[in-house]
Amino acid sequence: MTRYSMIEDKNPREIVLLRGRGCAWKRCRFCDYHLDASRDEQANLALNRAVLAQVTGQYGRLEAINSGSFAELDESTIREVERVCREKDIRDLHIESHWLFRGTLPALRARFAEQGVTLHVKIGVETFDADWRERVLDKGIEEADPAKIAADFDDCCLLFGLAGQTADSMRHDIETGLAHFDRVCVNIMVPNTTSVRPDDASRAAFVREVYPLYRDNPRVDILLENTDFGVGEVK
């Protein structure tokens, strides 16, 4: 498992894949990232400390992900993230959070702001078709209004390459994301251990009709493979 990388093109930053207690939701039908978890706080701390030791502060910007929500990291690891931000002069910290943990974000923003660090919080929305999102993907976001979802978050993730998605629906999702969030991260579904399979026709429609429109947009990250940021089970 590769847990440190550097993103050098859009929004240059370092990125670390930390390990926490695991995702509290665990019901997203397409996701098996929650398997990267441990209840052993000391083992998590040792692993995360080694990963964070690779951070250089080159860009003053760090993304810390953990196959769940930042709030699900052990407090000892969160303190390590704070320490690295101080020592490496990190001024922007990108994290992820499930909708369930939106109530933790104001205090978390204030905690890091006291150290001169601005939090940028990403939520996995996957699609703004709320009925399809909940009925098919089981995301656990009971709010349908994109503006209300965005009220607590800065960035969003979208998931494409699934059966039923079209070039028009994917463009609409990206445009909705750009209208309400600072940044959009597009992930293309790849085979994993879940029963949800990538759809070749949907992926092809994205690559042919949608990707060229946003490839150079500085506010849109596009991951054709889930390891394109350089972390995870990089082949």
C-alpha atoms as a PDB file:
ATOM      1  CA  MET A   1       0.000   0.000   0.000  1.00  0.00           C
ATOM      2  CA  THR A   2       1.475   3.350  -1.065  1.00  0.00           C
ATOM      3  CA  ARG A   3       0.530   6.039   1.455  1.00  0.00           C
ATOM      4  CA  TYR A   4       2.457   9.130   0.391  1.00  0.00           C
ATOM      5  CA  SER A   5       2.563  10.956  -2.909  1.00  0.00           C
ATOM      6  CA  MET A   6       2.908  14.409  -4.430  1.00  0.00           C
ATOM      7  CA  ILE A   7       0.351  15.916  -6.824  1.00  0.00           C
ATOM      8  CA  GLU A   8       2.168  18.312  -9.124  1.00  0.00           C
ATOM      9  CA  ASP A   9      -0.343  19.502 -11.718  1.00  0.00           C
ATOM     10  CA  LYS A  10      -3.718  20.906 -10.606  1.00  0.00           C
ATOM     11  CA  ASN A  11      -3.762  22.374  -7.095  1.00  0.00           C
ATOM     12  CA  PRO A  12      -0.226  21.106  -6.289  1.00  0.00           C
ATOM     13  CA  ARG A  13      -0.071  19.415  -2.909  1.00  0.00           C
ATOM     14  CA  GLU A  14       1.264  16.474  -0.989  1.00  0.00           C
ATOM     15  CA  ILE A  15      -1.158  13.671  -0.158  1.00  0.00           C
ATOM     16  CA  VAL A  16      -1.118  11.037   2.564  1.00  0.00           C
ATOM     17  CA  LEU A  17      -3.351   8.001   3.029  1.00  0.00           C
ATOM     18  CA  LEU A  18      -3.671   7.516   6.774  1.00  0.00           C
ATOM     19  CA  ARG A  19      -5.412   4.705   8.654  1.00  0.00           C
ATOM     20  CA  GLY A  20      -8.167   5.183  11.199  1.00  0.00           C
ATOM     21  CA  ARG A  21     -10.894   3.220  12.936  1.00  0.00           C
ATOM     22  CA  GLY A  22     -12.814   2.764   9.702  1.00  0.00           C
ATOM     23  CA  CYS A  23     -15.892   4.235   8.073  1.00  0.00           C
ATOM     24  CA  ALA A  24     -18.940   4.434  10.343  1.00  0.00           C
ATOM     25  CA  TRP A  25     -21.365   4.249   7.402  1.00  0.00           C
ATOM     26  CA  LYS A  26     -19.947   1.257   5.475  1.00  0.00           C
ATOM     27  CA  ARG A  27     -23.126   1.002   3.401  1.00  0.00           C
ATOM     28  CA  CYS A  28     -22.088   2.619   0.108  1.00  0.00           C
ATOM     29  CA  ARG A  29     -22.688  -0.261  -2.275  1.00  0.00           C
ATOM     30  CA  PHE A  30     -19.730   0.568  -4.519  1.00  0.00           C
ATOM     31  CA  CYS A  31     -17.063   1.111  -1.864  1.00  0.00           C
ATOM     32  CA  ASP A  32     -14.606  -1.219  -0.154  1.00  0.00           C
ATOM     33  CA  TYR A  33     -12.130   1.425   1.020  1.00  0.00           C
ATOM     34  CA  HIS A  34     -13.395   0.949   4.583  1.00  0.00           C
ATOM     35  CA  LEU A  35     -11.420  -2.309   4.716  1.00  0.00           C
ATOM     36  CA  ASP A  36      -8.290  -0.206   5.278  1.00  0.00           C
ATOM     37  CA  ALA A  37      -8.905   0.239   9.010  1.00  0.00           C
ATOM     38  CA  SER A  38      -7.801  -0.857  12.457  1.00  0.00           C
ATOM     39  CA  ARG A  39      -9.136  -0.470  15.992  1.00  0.00           C
ATOM     40  CA  ASP A  40      -5.581  -0.541  17.358  1.00  0.00           C
ATOM     41  CA  GLU A  41      -4.820   3.131  18.067  1.00  0.00           C
ATOM     42  CA  GLN A  42      -1.135   2.560  18.746  1.00  0.00           C
ATOM     43  CA  ALA A  43      -0.672   0.588  15.524  1.00  0.00           C
ATOM     44  CA  ASN A  44      -2.501   3.310  13.594  1.00  0.00           C
ATOM     45  CA  LEU A  45      -0.364   5.999  15.199  1.00  0.00           C
ATOM     46  CA  ALA A  46       2.875   4.192  14.351  1.00  0.00           C
ATOM     47  CA  LEU A  47       1.816   3.739  10.726  1.00  0.00           C
ATOM     48  CA  ASN A  48       0.484   7.277  10.356  1.00  0.00           C
ATOM     49  CA  ARG A  49       3.525   8.830  11.991  1.00  0.00           C
ATOM     50  CA  ALA A  50       5.779   7.056   9.479  1.00  0.00           C
ATOM     51  CA  VAL A  51       3.623   8.251   6.582  1.00  0.00           C
ATOM     52  CA  LEU A  52       3.483  11.852   7.841  1.00  0.00           C
ATOM     53  CA  ALA A  53       7.260  11.840   8.278  1.00  0.00           C
ATOM     54  CA  GLN A  54       7.517  11.929   4.471  1.00  0.00           C
ATOM     55  CA  VAL A  55       5.730  15.294   4.219  1.00  0.00           C
ATOM     56  CA  THR A  56       8.130  18.042   3.118  1.00  0.00           C
ATOM     57  CA  GLY A  57       5.873  21.094   3.098  1.00  0.00           C
ATOM     58  CA  GLN A  58       7.053  21.908  -0.434  1.00  0.00           C
ATOM     59  CA  TYR A  59       3.720  23.384  -1.494  1.00  0.00           C
ATOM     60  CA  GLY A  60       2.399  24.451   1.909  1.00  0.00           C
ATOM     61  CA  ARG A  61      -0.640  22.324   1.102  1.00  0.00           C
ATOM     62  CA  LEU A  62      -1.444  18.810   2.311  1.00  0.00           C
ATOM     63  CA  GLU A  63      -4.300  16.395   1.624  1.00  0.00           C
ATOM     64  CA  ALA A  64      -4.918  13.825   4.364  1.00  0.00           C
ATOM     65  CA  ILE A  65      -7.342  11.017   3.533  1.00  0.00           C
ATOM     66  CA  ASN A  66      -8.108   7.878   5.511  1.00  0.00           C
ATOM     67  CA  SER A  67     -10.668   5.642   3.811  1.00  0.00           C
ATOM     68  CA  GLY A  68     -13.387   7.279   5.874  1.00  0.00           C
ATOM     69  CA  SER A  69     -13.869  10.635   7.562  1.00  0.00           C
ATOM     70  CA  PHE A  70     -11.169  12.749   9.185  1.00  0.00           C
ATOM     71  CA  ALA A  71     -13.250  12.667  12.390  1.00  0.00           C
ATOM     72  CA  GLU A  72     -12.726   8.898  12.484  1.00  0.00           C
ATOM     73  CA  LEU A  73      -8.982   9.237  12.931  1.00  0.00           C
ATOM     74  CA  ASP A  74      -7.685   8.661  16.446  1.00  0.00           C
ATOM     75  CA  GLU A  75      -7.007  11.848  18.393  1.00  0.00           C
ATOM     76  CA  SER A  76      -3.335  10.895  18.587  1.00  0.00           C
ATOM     77  CA  THR A  77      -3.117  10.903  14.786  1.00  0.00           C
ATOM     78  CA  ILE A  78      -4.973  14.210  14.501  1.00  0.00           C
ATOM     79  CA  ARG A  79      -2.385  15.723  16.836  1.00  0.00           C
ATOM     80  CA  GLU A  80       0.339  14.345  14.563  1.00  0.00           C
ATOM     81  CA  VAL A  81      -1.304  16.033  11.582  1.00  0.00           C
ATOM     82  CA  GLU A  82      -1.356  19.292  13.555  1.00  0.00           C
ATOM     83  CA  ARG A  83       2.321  18.898  14.432  1.00  0.00           C
ATOM     84  CA  VAL A  84       3.307  18.291  10.814  1.00  0.00           C
ATOM     85  CA  CYS A  85       1.303  21.337   9.710  1.00  0.00           C
ATOM     86  CA  ARG A  86       3.195  23.482  12.220  1.00  0.00           C
ATOM     87  CA  GLU A  87       6.644  22.078  11.502  1.00  0.00           C
ATOM     88  CA  LYS A  88       6.312  22.008   7.706  1.00  0.00           C
ATOM     89  CA  ASP A  89       4.450  25.323   7.435  1.00  0.00           C
ATOM     90  CA  ILE A  90       1.312  23.753   5.949  1.00  0.00           C
ATOM     91  CA  ARG A  91      -1.308  26.483   5.511  1.00  0.00           C
ATOM     92  CA  ASP A  92      -3.987  24.518   3.619  1.00  0.00           C
ATOM     93  CA  LEU A  93      -5.181  21.090   4.733  1.00  0.00           C
ATOM     94  CA  HIS A  94      -7.575  19.079   2.568  1.00  0.00           C
ATOM     95  CA  ILE A  95      -9.591  16.374   4.327  1.00  0.00           C
ATOM     96  CA  GLU A  96     -12.640  14.206   3.642  1.00  0.00           C
ATOM     97  CA  SER A  97     -15.841  13.745   5.597  1.00  0.00           C
ATOM     98  CA  HIS A  98     -19.048  11.791   5.225  1.00  0.00           C
ATOM     99  CA  TRP A  99     -22.317  13.705   5.567  1.00  0.00           C
ATOM    100  CA  LEU A 100     -22.816  12.012   8.959  1.00  0.00           C
ATOM    101  CA  PHE A 101     -19.895  13.976  10.431  1.00  0.00           C
ATOM    102  CA  ARG A 102     -20.828  17.433   9.150  1.00  0.00           C
ATOM    103  CA  GLY A 103     -21.564  18.501  12.726  1.00  0.00           C
ATOM    104  CA  THR A 104     -17.909  17.979  13.669  1.00  0.00           C
ATOM    105  CA  LEU A 105     -16.613  20.376  11.020  1.00  0.00           C
ATOM    106  CA  PRO A 106     -17.099  23.826  12.608  1.00  0.00           C
ATOM    107  CA  ALA A 107     -15.033  22.881  15.671  1.00  0.00           C
ATOM    108  CA  LEU A 108     -12.444  21.185  13.485  1.00  0.00           C
ATOM    109  CA  ARG A 109     -12.132  24.249  11.257  1.00  0.00           C
ATOM    110  CA  ALA A 110     -11.719  26.451  14.323  1.00  0.00           C
ATOM    111  CA  ARG A 111      -9.128  24.107  15.831  1.00  0.00           C
ATOM    112  CA  PHE A 112      -6.898  24.267  12.754  1.00  0.00           C
ATOM    113  CA  ALA A 113      -7.570  27.962  12.146  1.00  0.00           C
ATOM    114  CA  GLU A 114      -5.994  28.697  15.537  1.00  0.00           C
ATOM    115  CA  GLN A 115      -2.777  27.353  14.030  1.00  0.00           C
ATOM    116  CA  GLY A 116      -3.115  29.324  10.819  1.00  0.00           C
ATOM    117  CA  VAL A 117      -4.337  26.341   8.792  1.00  0.00           C
ATOM    118  CA  THR A 118      -7.360  26.541   6.507  1.00  0.00           C
ATOM    119  CA  LEU A 119      -9.378  23.335   6.180  1.00  0.00           C
ATOM    120  CA  HIS A 120     -10.854  22.325   2.822  1.00  0.00           C
ATOM    121  CA  VAL A 121     -13.406  19.573   3.377  1.00  0.00           C
ATOM    122  CA  LYS A 122     -14.453  17.192   0.616  1.00  0.00           C
ATOM    123  CA  ILE A 123     -17.661  15.154   0.645  1.00  0.00           C
ATOM    124  CA  GLY A 124     -18.407  12.142  -1.521  1.00  0.00           C
ATOM    125  CA  VAL A 125     -21.684  13.093  -3.190  1.00  0.00           C
ATOM    126  CA  GLU A 126     -21.127  10.769  -6.196  1.00  0.00           C
ATOM    127  CA  THR A 127     -24.117  12.272  -8.065  1.00  0.00           C
ATOM    128  CA  PHE A 128     -26.643  15.062  -7.542  1.00  0.00           C
ATOM    129  CA  ASP A 129     -29.473  12.770  -8.646  1.00  0.00           C
ATOM    130  CA  ALA A 130     -30.555  12.276  -5.038  1.00  0.00           C
ATOM    131  CA  ASP A 131     -33.025   9.472  -5.685  1.00  0.00           C
ATOM    132  CA  TRP A 132     -30.492   7.424  -7.675  1.00  0.00           C
ATOM    133  CA  ARG A 133     -27.742   8.252  -5.197  1.00  0.00           C
ATOM    134  CA  GLU A 134     -29.679   6.857  -2.248  1.00  0.00           C
ATOM    135  CA  ARG A 135     -31.678   4.083  -3.926  1.00  0.00           C
ATOM    136  CA  VAL A 136     -28.797   2.653  -5.956  1.00  0.00           C
ATOM    137  CA  LEU A 137     -25.627   3.741  -4.124  1.00  0.00           C
ATOM    138  CA  ASP A 138     -26.954   4.056  -0.535  1.00  0.00           C
ATOM    139  CA  LYS A 139     -24.780   7.091   0.239  1.00  0.00           C
ATOM    140  CA  GLY A 140     -26.574   8.161   3.412  1.00  0.00           C
ATOM    141  CA  ILE A 141     -27.139  11.805   2.433  1.00  0.00           C
ATOM    142  CA  GLU A 142     -30.752  12.662   3.177  1.00  0.00           C
ATOM    143  CA  GLU A 143     -30.490  16.162   1.689  1.00  0.00           C
ATOM    144  CA  ALA A 144     -31.331  16.612  -2.011  1.00  0.00           C
ATOM    145  CA  ASP A 145     -30.532  20.315  -2.462  1.00  0.00           C
ATOM    146  CA  PRO A 146     -26.922  20.749  -3.683  1.00  0.00           C
ATOM    147  CA  ALA A 147     -26.698  24.199  -2.070  1.00  0.00           C
ATOM    148  CA  LYS A 148     -27.625  22.776   1.325  1.00  0.00           C
ATOM    149  CA  ILE A 149     -25.131  19.936   0.982  1.00  0.00           C
ATOM    150  CA  ALA A 150     -22.411  22.405   0.041  1.00  0.00           C
ATOM    151  CA  ALA A 151     -23.144  24.627   3.062  1.00  0.00           C
ATOM    152  CA  ASP A 152     -20.896  22.466   5.279  1.00  0.00           C
ATOM    153  CA  PHE A 153     -18.335  21.409   2.686  1.00  0.00           C
ATOM    154  CA  ASP A 154     -15.863  22.955   0.245  1.00  0.00           C
ATOM    155  CA  ASP A 155     -15.226  20.259  -2.366  1.00  0.00           C
ATOM    156  CA  CYS A 156     -17.108  17.233  -3.658  1.00  0.00           C
ATOM    157  CA  CYS A 157     -16.339  13.849  -5.182  1.00  0.00           C
ATOM    158  CA  LEU A 158     -18.379  12.434  -8.063  1.00  0.00           C
ATOM    159  CA  LEU A 159     -18.454   8.789  -9.185  1.00  0.00           C
ATOM    160  CA  PHE A 160     -18.890   8.000 -12.873  1.00  0.00           C
ATOM    161  CA  GLY A 161     -18.682   4.928 -15.053  1.00  0.00           C
ATOM    162  CA  LEU A 162     -21.777   3.217 -13.684  1.00  0.00           C
ATOM    163  CA  ALA A 163     -24.662   1.646 -15.606  1.00  0.00           C
ATOM    164  CA  GLY A 164     -27.365   4.210 -16.346  1.00  0.00           C
ATOM    165  CA  GLN A 165     -25.073   7.227 -16.391  1.00  0.00           C
ATOM    166  CA  THR A 166     -24.872   9.162 -19.651  1.00  0.00           C
ATOM    167  CA  ALA A 167     -22.647  11.913 -20.997  1.00  0.00           C
ATOM    168  CA  ASP A 168     -25.440  14.406 -20.296  1.00  0.00           C
ATOM    169  CA  SER A 169     -25.975  13.228 -16.711  1.00  0.00           C
ATOM    170  CA  MET A 170     -22.248  13.312 -15.985  1.00  0.00           C
ATOM    171  CA  ARG A 171     -21.847  16.805 -17.445  1.00  0.00           C
ATOM    172  CA  HIS A 172     -24.810  17.959 -15.364  1.00  0.00           C
ATOM    173  CA  ASP A 173     -23.239  16.546 -12.195  1.00  0.00           C
ATOM    174  CA  ILE A 174     -19.936  18.315 -12.865  1.00  0.00           C
ATOM    175  CA  GLU A 175     -21.615  21.618 -13.644  1.00  0.00           C
ATOM    176  CA  THR A 176     -23.738  21.333 -10.491  1.00  0.00           C
ATOM    177  CA  GLY A 177     -20.619  20.615  -8.476  1.00  0.00           C
ATOM    178  CA  LEU A 178     -18.782  23.598  -9.926  1.00  0.00           C
ATOM    179  CA  ALA A 179     -21.754  25.847  -9.195  1.00  0.00           C
ATOM    180  CA  HIS A 180     -21.842  24.974  -5.507  1.00  0.00           C
ATOM    181  CA  PHE A 181     -18.346  23.804  -4.514  1.00  0.00           C
ATOM    182  CA  ASP A 182     -14.812  25.173  -4.833  1.00  0.00           C
ATOM    183  CA  ARG A 183     -13.486  22.005  -6.441  1.00  0.00           C
ATOM    184  CA  VAL A 184     -14.823  18.806  -7.985  1.00  0.00           C
ATOM    185  CA  CYS A 185     -13.011  15.465  -7.979  1.00  0.00           C
ATOM    186  CA  VAL A 186     -14.264  12.955 -10.566  1.00  0.00           C
ATOM    187  CA  ASN A 187     -13.617   9.284  -9.871  1.00  0.00           C
ATOM    188  CA  ILE A 188     -14.237   6.627 -12.513  1.00  0.00           C
ATOM    189  CA  MET A 189     -15.503   3.320 -11.132  1.00  0.00           C
ATOM    190  CA  VAL A 190     -12.975   0.492 -11.249  1.00  0.00           C
ATOM    191  CA  PRO A 191     -13.449  -3.182 -10.324  1.00  0.00           C
ATOM    192  CA  ASN A 192     -13.270  -3.900  -6.605  1.00  0.00           C
ATOM    193  CA  THR A 193     -14.625  -6.410  -4.105  1.00  0.00           C
ATOM    194  CA  THR A 194     -18.207  -5.057  -4.147  1.00  0.00           C
ATOM    195  CA  SER A 195     -21.037  -6.268  -6.379  1.00  0.00           C
ATOM    196  CA  VAL A 196     -21.152  -2.918  -8.216  1.00  0.00           C
ATOM    197  CA  ARG A 197     -19.331  -3.247 -11.510  1.00  0.00           C
ATOM    198  CA  PRO A 198     -17.967  -0.580 -13.856  1.00  0.00           C
ATOM    199  CA  ASP A 199     -20.006  -0.012 -16.997  1.00  0.00           C
ATOM    200  CA  ASP A 200     -17.911   0.075 -20.161  1.00  0.00           C
ATOM    201  CA  ALA A 201     -20.433   2.170 -22.129  1.00  0.00           C
ATOM    202  CA  SER A 202     -20.657   4.823 -19.417  1.00  0.00           C
ATOM    203  CA  ARG A 203     -16.879   5.000 -19.052  1.00  0.00           C
ATOM    204  CA  ALA A 204     -16.455   5.298 -22.812  1.00  0.00           C
ATOM    205  CA  ALA A 205     -19.045   8.100 -22.969  1.00  0.00           C
ATOM    206  CA  PHE A 206     -17.164   9.963 -20.231  1.00  0.00           C
ATOM    207  CA  VAL A 207     -13.782   9.610 -21.923  1.00  0.00           C
ATOM    208  CA  ARG A 208     -15.151  10.556 -25.332  1.00  0.00           C
ATOM    209  CA  GLU A 209     -17.603  13.372 -24.523  1.00  0.00           C
ATOM    210  CA  VAL A 210     -16.995  14.679 -21.005  1.00  0.00           C
ATOM    211  CA  TYR A 211     -13.305  14.299 -20.196  1.00  0.00           C
ATOM    212  CA  PRO A 212     -12.139  16.663 -22.977  1.00  0.00           C
ATOM    213  CA  LEU A 213     -14.400  19.431 -21.596  1.00  0.00           C
ATOM    214  CA  TYR A 214     -12.879  19.399 -18.099  1.00  0.00           C
ATOM    215  CA  ARG A 215      -9.417  17.883 -18.543  1.00  0.00           C
ATOM    216  CA  ASP A 216      -7.743  21.289 -18.287  1.00  0.00           C
ATOM    217  CA  ASN A 217     -10.149  22.893 -15.816  1.00  0.00           C
ATOM    218  CA  PRO A 218      -8.036  23.824 -12.768  1.00  0.00           C
ATOM    219  CA  ARG A 219     -11.012  23.215 -10.456  1.00  0.00           C
ATOM    220  CA  VAL A 220     -11.647  19.659 -11.630  1.00  0.00           C
ATOM    221  CA  ASP A 221      -9.508  16.667 -10.675  1.00  0.00           C
ATOM    222  CA  ILE A 222     -10.158  13.561 -12.784  1.00  0.00           C
ATOM    223  CA  LEU A 223      -9.072  10.104 -11.667  1.00  0.00           C
ATOM    224  CA  LEU A 224      -9.504   7.566 -14.459  1.00  0.00           C
ATOM    225  CA  GLU A 225      -7.959   5.066 -12.034  1.00  0.00           C
ATOM    226  CA  ASN A 226      -8.526   5.274  -8.296  1.00  0.00           C
ATOM    227  CA  THR A 227      -4.762   5.416  -7.700  1.00  0.00           C
ATOM    228  CA  ASP A 228      -4.108   8.364 -10.019  1.00  0.00           C
ATOM    229  CA  PHE A 229      -3.218  10.547  -7.007  1.00  0.00           C
ATOM    230  CA  GLY A 230      -0.398   8.092  -6.307  1.00  0.00           C
ATOM    231  CA  VAL A 231      -1.755   6.534  -3.105  1.00  0.00           C
ATOM    232  CA  GLY A 232      -3.545   3.246  -2.487  1.00  0.00           C
ATOM    233  CA  GLU A 233      -2.704  -0.088  -4.053  1.00  0.00           C
ATOM    234  CA  VAL A 234      -0.609   1.428  -6.816  1.00  0.00           C
ATOM    235  CA  LYS A 235       0.304  -1.104  -9.467  1.00  0.00           C
END
